[in-house]
Amino acid sequence: MIEATYETDEVLDFADGRYRFWMTMPEVNEFERKHGSLMSAHFRLHSAIGFTKDREVVLANGPEVDIALCRDLIRLSLIGGAKCEVDGEANEVGPQRARELVDLYTYPERPIEETAALAWQITAVAMYGRSKLRGAEAS
C-alpha cells in the first residue's frame, strides 16, 4: 500500500520570475513522441551532470546532453505548469510564452550546463516527487 504521494510539479526561479514546471500527461506524450521515454531522458541527463563540493552544477559527460531534448522538456513543462509570478504579479504561461522563455533563457543564450541542469531537475521531480527529493516527509 502506498502511504504517501509526492507532488510532481516544481516552482523555481527562472527567467524573469518564479515559474511552475510540470509535465502533465499531454506534455509527457508530446515529449515521448519526439525524444523517447521521459525516464530514459532523466537517466541520460543524470549521467551527464555532476556537482562540485559547493553543489554547483558541472557537465561531467557532455556528449550525453541533447540540447533539443532539454529545450523541449523545459518548454513543455512550462506549458504544463501554466503559471508564473513576475514582479509580484501572477500570470499564465501558454505555449507562445513558453517558447519565448526557452528562446531567451536557455542555450544558446545561457550555458549548456545550466539548461541541462534545469531539464534534469524537471525530470527528477517528475520521477520521484519534490518532497521525496528533498528528504522531507509528505504532508
N, C-alpha and C. Protein backbone atom coordinates (compact mmCIF):
# COMPACT_ATOMS: atom_id res chain seq x y z
N MET A 1 0.84 -1.17 0.00
CA MET A 1 0.00 0.00 0.00
C MET A 1 0.89 1.25 0.00
N ILE A 2 0.53 2.20 -0.82
CA ILE A 2 1.27 3.46 -0.86
C ILE A 2 0.78 4.35 0.26
N GLU A 3 1.70 4.77 1.12
CA GLU A 3 1.33 5.58 2.27
C GLU A 3 1.44 7.07 2.01
N ALA A 4 2.24 7.46 1.06
CA ALA A 4 2.43 8.88 0.79
C ALA A 4 2.54 9.10 -0.71
N THR A 5 2.11 10.24 -1.14
CA THR A 5 2.32 10.63 -2.53
C THR A 5 3.14 11.92 -2.53
N TYR A 6 3.78 12.16 -3.62
CA TYR A 6 4.64 13.33 -3.74
C TYR A 6 4.20 14.15 -4.93
N GLU A 7 4.21 15.45 -4.77
CA GLU A 7 3.85 16.34 -5.86
C GLU A 7 4.92 16.27 -6.95
N THR A 8 4.49 16.35 -8.20
CA THR A 8 5.43 16.22 -9.32
C THR A 8 5.59 17.53 -10.09
N ASP A 9 5.17 18.63 -9.49
CA ASP A 9 5.45 19.93 -10.07
C ASP A 9 6.47 20.64 -9.21
N GLU A 10 7.05 21.69 -9.75
CA GLU A 10 8.08 22.44 -9.02
C GLU A 10 7.99 23.90 -9.41
N VAL A 11 8.12 24.79 -8.45
CA VAL A 11 8.17 26.23 -8.71
C VAL A 11 9.62 26.67 -8.49
N LEU A 12 10.19 27.26 -9.53
CA LEU A 12 11.61 27.63 -9.50
C LEU A 12 11.82 29.05 -10.00
N ASP A 13 12.89 29.68 -9.52
CA ASP A 13 13.32 30.94 -10.11
C ASP A 13 13.82 30.62 -11.51
N PHE A 14 13.28 31.33 -12.47
CA PHE A 14 13.67 31.13 -13.87
C PHE A 14 13.35 32.40 -14.64
N ALA A 15 14.21 32.76 -15.53
CA ALA A 15 13.97 33.91 -16.41
C ALA A 15 13.73 35.17 -15.59
N ASP A 16 12.54 35.72 -15.70
CA ASP A 16 12.21 37.00 -15.07
C ASP A 16 11.31 36.86 -13.86
N GLY A 17 11.17 35.63 -13.32
CA GLY A 17 10.27 35.45 -12.18
C GLY A 17 10.36 34.04 -11.61
N ARG A 18 9.26 33.62 -11.00
CA ARG A 18 9.14 32.26 -10.45
C ARG A 18 8.11 31.52 -11.29
N TYR A 19 8.53 30.39 -11.83
CA TYR A 19 7.70 29.64 -12.77
C TYR A 19 7.40 28.25 -12.23
N ARG A 20 6.20 27.79 -12.53
CA ARG A 20 5.81 26.42 -12.19
C ARG A 20 6.15 25.53 -13.38
N PHE A 21 6.87 24.45 -13.11
CA PHE A 21 7.24 23.45 -14.11
C PHE A 21 6.49 22.16 -13.78
N TRP A 22 5.78 21.62 -14.77
CA TRP A 22 5.02 20.39 -14.51
C TRP A 22 4.80 19.65 -15.82
N MET A 23 5.20 18.41 -15.84
CA MET A 23 4.99 17.56 -17.02
C MET A 23 3.68 16.81 -16.85
N THR A 24 2.60 17.39 -17.35
CA THR A 24 1.31 16.71 -17.33
C THR A 24 1.29 15.68 -18.46
N MET A 25 0.31 14.81 -18.48
CA MET A 25 0.29 13.73 -19.48
C MET A 25 0.29 14.23 -20.93
N PRO A 26 -0.44 15.27 -21.29
CA PRO A 26 -0.32 15.72 -22.69
C PRO A 26 1.12 16.15 -23.05
N GLU A 27 1.79 16.78 -22.10
CA GLU A 27 3.17 17.19 -22.35
C GLU A 27 4.12 15.99 -22.37
N VAL A 28 3.90 15.03 -21.49
CA VAL A 28 4.72 13.81 -21.49
C VAL A 28 4.54 13.09 -22.83
N ASN A 29 3.30 12.98 -23.29
CA ASN A 29 3.05 12.29 -24.56
C ASN A 29 3.76 12.98 -25.72
N GLU A 30 3.68 14.31 -25.77
CA GLU A 30 4.36 15.04 -26.85
C GLU A 30 5.87 14.85 -26.75
N PHE A 31 6.40 14.96 -25.54
CA PHE A 31 7.83 14.78 -25.34
C PHE A 31 8.27 13.39 -25.80
N GLU A 32 7.56 12.36 -25.39
CA GLU A 32 7.97 10.99 -25.69
C GLU A 32 7.82 10.65 -27.17
N ARG A 33 6.89 11.28 -27.88
CA ARG A 33 6.81 11.07 -29.33
C ARG A 33 8.07 11.57 -30.02
N LYS A 34 8.67 12.65 -29.51
CA LYS A 34 9.84 13.24 -30.14
C LYS A 34 11.17 12.69 -29.63
N HIS A 35 11.22 12.34 -28.33
CA HIS A 35 12.51 12.06 -27.70
C HIS A 35 12.62 10.70 -27.02
N GLY A 36 11.59 9.89 -27.04
CA GLY A 36 11.62 8.64 -26.30
C GLY A 36 11.15 8.87 -24.87
N SER A 37 11.33 7.88 -24.03
CA SER A 37 10.73 7.92 -22.69
C SER A 37 11.33 9.01 -21.81
N LEU A 38 10.48 9.58 -20.98
CA LEU A 38 10.91 10.59 -20.01
C LEU A 38 11.91 9.98 -19.03
N MET A 39 11.68 8.73 -18.66
CA MET A 39 12.59 8.05 -17.73
C MET A 39 13.99 7.91 -18.35
N SER A 40 14.04 7.55 -19.61
CA SER A 40 15.32 7.43 -20.29
C SER A 40 16.03 8.79 -20.36
N ALA A 41 15.27 9.84 -20.65
CA ALA A 41 15.85 11.19 -20.68
C ALA A 41 16.42 11.56 -19.31
N HIS A 42 15.69 11.21 -18.26
CA HIS A 42 16.17 11.51 -16.91
C HIS A 42 17.53 10.87 -16.66
N PHE A 43 17.67 9.60 -16.97
CA PHE A 43 18.92 8.91 -16.68
C PHE A 43 20.05 9.37 -17.59
N ARG A 44 19.75 9.74 -18.84
CA ARG A 44 20.80 10.29 -19.71
C ARG A 44 21.30 11.62 -19.15
N LEU A 45 20.36 12.48 -18.74
CA LEU A 45 20.76 13.76 -18.16
C LEU A 45 21.52 13.56 -16.85
N HIS A 46 21.05 12.62 -16.03
CA HIS A 46 21.72 12.35 -14.76
C HIS A 46 23.17 11.92 -14.98
N SER A 47 23.41 11.13 -16.02
CA SER A 47 24.77 10.68 -16.27
C SER A 47 25.66 11.81 -16.81
N ALA A 48 25.04 12.88 -17.29
CA ALA A 48 25.80 13.99 -17.87
C ALA A 48 26.15 15.07 -16.85
N ILE A 49 25.47 15.09 -15.73
CA ILE A 49 25.59 16.19 -14.77
C ILE A 49 26.33 15.75 -13.52
N GLY A 50 27.22 16.58 -13.07
CA GLY A 50 27.91 16.37 -11.81
C GLY A 50 27.81 17.62 -10.96
N PHE A 51 28.29 17.53 -9.75
CA PHE A 51 28.24 18.67 -8.83
C PHE A 51 29.60 18.84 -8.18
N THR A 52 29.98 20.09 -7.97
CA THR A 52 31.20 20.38 -7.23
C THR A 52 30.89 20.19 -5.74
N LYS A 53 31.94 20.29 -4.90
CA LYS A 53 31.70 20.15 -3.46
C LYS A 53 30.82 21.28 -2.93
N ASP A 54 30.74 22.39 -3.68
CA ASP A 54 29.87 23.51 -3.30
C ASP A 54 28.48 23.40 -3.92
N ARG A 55 28.18 22.24 -4.50
CA ARG A 55 26.88 21.94 -5.11
C ARG A 55 26.60 22.76 -6.37
N GLU A 56 27.65 23.20 -7.04
CA GLU A 56 27.48 23.86 -8.33
C GLU A 56 27.45 22.80 -9.41
N VAL A 57 26.59 23.00 -10.39
CA VAL A 57 26.42 22.04 -11.47
C VAL A 57 27.58 22.14 -12.45
N VAL A 58 28.08 20.98 -12.87
CA VAL A 58 29.08 20.91 -13.93
C VAL A 58 28.70 19.78 -14.87
N LEU A 59 29.09 19.92 -16.12
CA LEU A 59 28.88 18.83 -17.07
C LEU A 59 29.97 17.79 -16.85
N ALA A 60 29.55 16.58 -16.52
CA ALA A 60 30.51 15.51 -16.30
C ALA A 60 30.66 14.65 -17.55
N ASN A 61 29.61 14.61 -18.36
CA ASN A 61 29.61 13.79 -19.56
C ASN A 61 28.82 14.53 -20.63
N GLY A 62 29.40 15.59 -21.15
CA GLY A 62 28.73 16.48 -22.10
C GLY A 62 28.07 15.81 -23.29
N PRO A 63 28.67 14.77 -23.88
CA PRO A 63 28.03 14.15 -25.04
C PRO A 63 26.64 13.55 -24.75
N GLU A 64 26.32 13.34 -23.49
CA GLU A 64 25.00 12.81 -23.14
C GLU A 64 23.90 13.88 -23.19
N VAL A 65 24.28 15.15 -23.32
CA VAL A 65 23.30 16.23 -23.31
C VAL A 65 22.78 16.46 -24.73
N ASP A 66 21.48 16.25 -24.90
CA ASP A 66 20.78 16.54 -26.15
C ASP A 66 20.07 17.87 -25.92
N ILE A 67 20.59 18.93 -26.51
CA ILE A 67 20.08 20.26 -26.21
C ILE A 67 18.64 20.44 -26.69
N ALA A 68 18.27 19.83 -27.81
CA ALA A 68 16.88 19.92 -28.28
C ALA A 68 15.94 19.26 -27.28
N LEU A 69 16.36 18.14 -26.72
CA LEU A 69 15.58 17.45 -25.69
C LEU A 69 15.41 18.36 -24.47
N CYS A 70 16.49 18.99 -24.03
CA CYS A 70 16.42 19.87 -22.85
C CYS A 70 15.49 21.04 -23.10
N ARG A 71 15.61 21.68 -24.25
CA ARG A 71 14.76 22.82 -24.57
C ARG A 71 13.29 22.41 -24.67
N ASP A 72 13.02 21.28 -25.31
CA ASP A 72 11.63 20.80 -25.39
C ASP A 72 11.07 20.47 -24.02
N LEU A 73 11.87 19.85 -23.20
CA LEU A 73 11.43 19.48 -21.85
C LEU A 73 11.08 20.73 -21.04
N ILE A 74 11.92 21.73 -21.09
CA ILE A 74 11.66 22.97 -20.35
C ILE A 74 10.41 23.65 -20.91
N ARG A 75 10.30 23.74 -22.22
CA ARG A 75 9.13 24.37 -22.85
C ARG A 75 7.84 23.66 -22.47
N LEU A 76 7.83 22.34 -22.59
CA LEU A 76 6.62 21.57 -22.28
C LEU A 76 6.25 21.65 -20.81
N SER A 77 7.25 21.66 -19.93
CA SER A 77 6.94 21.73 -18.50
C SER A 77 6.46 23.12 -18.11
N LEU A 78 6.88 24.15 -18.82
CA LEU A 78 6.32 25.49 -18.60
C LEU A 78 4.85 25.52 -19.04
N ILE A 79 4.55 24.89 -20.16
CA ILE A 79 3.16 24.82 -20.63
C ILE A 79 2.32 24.04 -19.63
N GLY A 80 2.82 22.90 -19.17
CA GLY A 80 2.09 22.10 -18.18
C GLY A 80 1.91 22.83 -16.87
N GLY A 81 2.93 23.55 -16.44
CA GLY A 81 2.85 24.31 -15.20
C GLY A 81 1.89 25.48 -15.28
N ALA A 82 1.87 26.14 -16.43
CA ALA A 82 0.86 27.15 -16.80
C ALA A 82 0.83 28.40 -15.93
N LYS A 83 1.72 28.53 -14.94
CA LYS A 83 1.64 29.66 -14.02
C LYS A 83 3.02 30.23 -13.75
N CYS A 84 3.03 31.53 -13.46
CA CYS A 84 4.25 32.17 -13.01
C CYS A 84 3.91 33.39 -12.17
N GLU A 85 4.93 33.88 -11.50
CA GLU A 85 4.82 35.14 -10.78
C GLU A 85 6.00 36.00 -11.19
N VAL A 86 5.69 37.16 -11.76
CA VAL A 86 6.72 38.09 -12.21
C VAL A 86 6.43 39.44 -11.56
N ASP A 87 7.41 39.98 -10.86
CA ASP A 87 7.26 41.25 -10.15
C ASP A 87 6.03 41.25 -9.24
N GLY A 88 5.83 40.13 -8.55
CA GLY A 88 4.73 40.02 -7.59
C GLY A 88 3.36 39.82 -8.21
N GLU A 89 3.28 39.70 -9.51
CA GLU A 89 2.00 39.54 -10.19
C GLU A 89 1.88 38.15 -10.80
N ALA A 90 0.75 37.48 -10.52
CA ALA A 90 0.50 36.15 -11.07
C ALA A 90 0.12 36.27 -12.54
N ASN A 91 0.68 35.39 -13.34
CA ASN A 91 0.41 35.35 -14.77
C ASN A 91 0.25 33.92 -15.23
N GLU A 92 -0.34 33.75 -16.41
CA GLU A 92 -0.44 32.43 -17.03
C GLU A 92 0.68 32.26 -18.04
N VAL A 93 1.07 31.03 -18.24
CA VAL A 93 2.08 30.71 -19.25
C VAL A 93 1.44 29.76 -20.26
N GLY A 94 1.35 30.20 -21.48
CA GLY A 94 0.82 29.37 -22.56
C GLY A 94 1.94 28.95 -23.49
N PRO A 95 1.60 28.26 -24.57
CA PRO A 95 2.62 27.77 -25.50
C PRO A 95 3.52 28.87 -26.09
N GLN A 96 2.95 30.00 -26.47
CA GLN A 96 3.76 31.06 -27.06
C GLN A 96 4.75 31.64 -26.04
N ARG A 97 4.27 31.92 -24.83
CA ARG A 97 5.15 32.47 -23.79
C ARG A 97 6.23 31.45 -23.42
N ALA A 98 5.86 30.18 -23.33
CA ALA A 98 6.84 29.15 -23.01
C ALA A 98 7.95 29.12 -24.06
N ARG A 99 7.60 29.19 -25.33
CA ARG A 99 8.61 29.19 -26.40
C ARG A 99 9.51 30.43 -26.29
N GLU A 100 8.90 31.58 -26.03
CA GLU A 100 9.70 32.81 -25.87
C GLU A 100 10.69 32.68 -24.71
N LEU A 101 10.23 32.13 -23.59
CA LEU A 101 11.11 31.97 -22.43
C LEU A 101 12.27 31.04 -22.73
N VAL A 102 11.98 29.95 -23.41
CA VAL A 102 13.05 29.00 -23.76
C VAL A 102 14.04 29.66 -24.71
N ASP A 103 13.53 30.41 -25.67
CA ASP A 103 14.44 31.07 -26.62
C ASP A 103 15.32 32.12 -25.94
N LEU A 104 14.79 32.78 -24.92
CA LEU A 104 15.53 33.85 -24.26
C LEU A 104 16.42 33.39 -23.11
N TYR A 105 16.04 32.28 -22.44
CA TYR A 105 16.69 31.94 -21.17
C TYR A 105 17.29 30.54 -21.11
N THR A 106 17.44 29.87 -22.25
CA THR A 106 18.16 28.60 -22.26
C THR A 106 19.23 28.67 -23.34
N TYR A 107 19.99 27.59 -23.49
CA TYR A 107 21.04 27.57 -24.50
C TYR A 107 20.44 27.88 -25.87
N PRO A 108 21.02 28.75 -26.68
CA PRO A 108 22.38 29.27 -26.62
C PRO A 108 22.52 30.60 -25.87
N GLU A 109 21.43 31.12 -25.33
CA GLU A 109 21.52 32.39 -24.59
C GLU A 109 22.10 32.20 -23.19
N ARG A 110 22.03 31.00 -22.65
CA ARG A 110 22.58 30.66 -21.33
C ARG A 110 23.47 29.43 -21.52
N PRO A 111 24.34 29.13 -20.56
CA PRO A 111 25.25 27.98 -20.70
C PRO A 111 24.50 26.64 -20.82
N ILE A 112 25.10 25.73 -21.57
CA ILE A 112 24.51 24.40 -21.74
C ILE A 112 24.31 23.73 -20.39
N GLU A 113 25.30 23.82 -19.49
CA GLU A 113 25.16 23.10 -18.22
C GLU A 113 23.99 23.64 -17.40
N GLU A 114 23.68 24.92 -17.50
CA GLU A 114 22.52 25.49 -16.80
C GLU A 114 21.22 24.94 -17.38
N THR A 115 21.15 24.89 -18.71
CA THR A 115 19.96 24.36 -19.39
C THR A 115 19.79 22.87 -19.06
N ALA A 116 20.87 22.11 -19.11
CA ALA A 116 20.80 20.68 -18.81
C ALA A 116 20.42 20.43 -17.36
N ALA A 117 20.94 21.23 -16.44
CA ALA A 117 20.62 21.06 -15.02
C ALA A 117 19.14 21.32 -14.75
N LEU A 118 18.58 22.35 -15.38
CA LEU A 118 17.15 22.62 -15.21
C LEU A 118 16.32 21.47 -15.78
N ALA A 119 16.68 20.99 -16.95
CA ALA A 119 15.95 19.86 -17.54
C ALA A 119 16.04 18.63 -16.64
N TRP A 120 17.22 18.35 -16.10
CA TRP A 120 17.36 17.21 -15.19
C TRP A 120 16.50 17.39 -13.94
N GLN A 121 16.48 18.59 -13.38
CA GLN A 121 15.67 18.83 -12.18
C GLN A 121 14.19 18.59 -12.46
N ILE A 122 13.72 19.00 -13.63
CA ILE A 122 12.32 18.78 -14.00
C ILE A 122 12.03 17.29 -14.10
N THR A 123 12.94 16.52 -14.72
CA THR A 123 12.70 15.08 -14.83
C THR A 123 12.79 14.41 -13.46
N ALA A 124 13.69 14.86 -12.60
CA ALA A 124 13.83 14.26 -11.27
C ALA A 124 12.56 14.45 -10.45
N VAL A 125 11.99 15.64 -10.49
CA VAL A 125 10.74 15.89 -9.76
C VAL A 125 9.61 15.06 -10.35
N ALA A 126 9.57 14.94 -11.67
CA ALA A 126 8.54 14.10 -12.31
C ALA A 126 8.69 12.64 -11.90
N MET A 127 9.93 12.18 -11.77
CA MET A 127 10.18 10.77 -11.44
C MET A 127 9.96 10.45 -9.97
N TYR A 128 10.45 11.32 -9.09
CA TYR A 128 10.49 10.99 -7.67
C TYR A 128 9.59 11.83 -6.79
N GLY A 129 9.13 12.95 -7.28
CA GLY A 129 8.33 13.86 -6.47
C GLY A 129 9.21 14.81 -5.69
N ARG A 130 8.72 16.02 -5.50
CA ARG A 130 9.57 17.05 -4.88
C ARG A 130 9.82 16.81 -3.42
N SER A 131 8.86 16.34 -2.66
CA SER A 131 9.09 16.11 -1.23
C SER A 131 10.10 15.01 -1.01
N LYS A 132 10.01 13.95 -1.79
CA LYS A 132 10.95 12.84 -1.63
C LYS A 132 12.37 13.28 -1.99
N LEU A 133 12.51 14.10 -3.03
CA LEU A 133 13.84 14.58 -3.42
C LEU A 133 14.47 15.41 -2.33
N ARG A 134 13.66 16.15 -1.60
CA ARG A 134 14.20 17.00 -0.53
C ARG A 134 14.38 16.24 0.78
N GLY A 135 13.92 14.99 0.80
CA GLY A 135 14.04 14.21 2.01
C GLY A 135 13.02 14.59 3.06
N ALA A 136 12.04 15.42 2.68
CA ALA A 136 11.02 15.84 3.63
C ALA A 136 9.90 14.80 3.67
N GLU A 137 9.19 14.79 4.76
CA GLU A 137 8.04 13.91 4.87
C GLU A 137 6.89 14.52 4.10
N ALA A 138 6.10 13.67 3.45
CA ALA A 138 4.92 14.15 2.72
C ALA A 138 3.93 14.71 3.73
N SER A 139 3.34 15.82 3.35
CA SER A 139 2.37 16.42 4.28
C SER A 139 0.95 16.03 3.92
